[in-house]
Amino acid sequence: MSKKEYTIQDEIDRLYSKARHDEAQALRHARLEARQEGMIEERRVIAKNFLMEGVPLETIVKATGLSRDEVEQLRDSCKNKRWNEA
């Protein structure tokens, strides 16, 4: 095997290894994002349940870690849903 062929094969191996590494990193990142989004969605569900039970807004904000604006939006969507069901 000539030196040139060896260098080309080394570059091919390096690129293949880098592609596998990049793919693994992308999968880890996607899993982390999915996990975080799932936790946020769980907080939203809890906030909706609190809202349906009449728990004060500030208590929901403190308990869930959601912003006041987001809890207010959830409250408004719960009100609209109740009106649509009536």
Protein backbone atom coordinates (compact mmCIF):
# COMPACT_ATOMS: atom_id res chain seq x y z
CA MET A 1 0.00 0.00 0.00
CA SER A 2 1.48 3.36 -0.97
CA LYS A 3 1.73 6.30 1.42
CA LYS A 4 -0.88 8.22 -0.61
CA GLU A 5 -3.41 5.38 -0.35
CA TYR A 6 -2.77 5.06 3.37
CA THR A 7 -3.35 8.79 3.88
CA ILE A 8 -6.60 8.67 1.93
CA GLN A 9 -7.81 5.67 3.97
CA ASP A 10 -6.87 7.47 7.19
CA GLU A 11 -8.93 10.47 6.07
CA ILE A 12 -11.87 8.23 5.19
CA ASP A 13 -11.65 6.55 8.62
CA ARG A 14 -11.39 9.93 10.36
CA LEU A 15 -14.44 11.28 8.53
CA TYR A 16 -16.43 8.12 9.25
CA SER A 17 -15.54 8.34 12.93
CA LYS A 18 -16.48 12.03 13.04
CA ALA A 19 -19.83 11.31 11.37
CA ARG A 20 -20.62 8.62 13.95
CA HIS A 21 -19.64 10.99 16.76
CA ASP A 22 -21.77 13.81 15.32
CA GLU A 23 -24.74 11.49 14.93
CA ALA A 24 -24.41 10.32 18.54
CA GLN A 25 -24.22 13.94 19.74
CA ALA A 26 -27.32 14.85 17.73
CA LEU A 27 -29.24 11.93 19.27
CA ARG A 28 -28.18 12.93 22.79
CA HIS A 29 -29.27 16.50 22.12
CA ALA A 30 -32.64 15.36 20.73
CA ARG A 31 -33.25 13.14 23.77
CA LEU A 32 -32.40 16.00 26.13
CA GLU A 33 -34.75 18.38 24.31
CA ALA A 34 -37.55 15.80 24.33
CA ARG A 35 -37.07 15.17 28.04
CA GLN A 36 -37.13 18.90 28.79
CA GLU A 37 -40.24 19.44 26.66
CA GLY A 38 -41.93 16.53 28.44
CA MET A 39 -41.18 18.10 31.82
CA ILE A 40 -42.58 21.44 30.67
CA GLU A 41 -45.71 19.75 29.33
CA GLU A 42 -46.12 17.96 32.66
CA ARG A 43 -45.95 21.33 34.43
CA ARG A 44 -48.63 22.67 32.10
CA VAL A 45 -50.92 19.72 32.86
CA ILE A 46 -50.41 20.25 36.59
CA ALA A 47 -51.14 23.97 36.19
CA LYS A 48 -54.35 23.21 34.27
CA ASN A 49 -55.45 20.84 37.01
CA PHE A 50 -54.75 23.50 39.64
CA LEU A 51 -56.68 26.05 37.61
CA MET A 52 -59.67 23.72 37.32
CA GLU A 53 -59.59 23.33 41.11
CA GLY A 54 -59.51 27.10 41.65
CA VAL A 55 -55.99 27.32 43.05
CA PRO A 56 -54.75 30.94 43.08
CA LEU A 57 -52.59 32.02 40.13
CA GLU A 58 -49.55 32.97 42.24
CA THR A 59 -49.59 29.58 43.95
CA ILE A 60 -49.61 27.84 40.58
CA VAL A 61 -46.70 29.98 39.35
CA LYS A 62 -44.67 29.11 42.45
CA ALA A 63 -45.57 25.41 42.39
CA THR A 64 -44.93 24.79 38.69
CA GLY A 65 -42.16 27.24 37.84
CA LEU A 66 -44.15 28.43 34.82
CA SER A 67 -44.28 32.14 34.09
CA ARG A 68 -47.30 34.15 35.16
CA ASP A 69 -48.05 34.88 31.50
CA GLU A 70 -48.06 31.18 30.61
CA VAL A 71 -50.34 30.31 33.52
CA GLU A 72 -52.69 33.12 32.48
CA GLN A 73 -52.76 31.75 28.93
CA LEU A 74 -53.55 28.30 30.29
CA ARG A 75 -56.30 29.81 32.45
CA ASP A 76 -57.79 31.53 29.42
CA SER A 77 -57.66 28.32 27.37
CA CYS A 78 -59.35 26.43 30.22
CA LYS A 79 -62.10 29.05 30.35
CA ASN A 80 -62.62 28.81 26.59
CA LYS A 81 -62.72 25.03 26.79
CA ARG A 82 -65.36 25.13 29.54
CA TRP A 83 -67.48 27.58 27.55
CA ASN A 84 -67.25 25.41 24.45
CA GLU A 85 -68.32 22.34 26.42
CA ALA A 86 -71.35 24.10 27.96
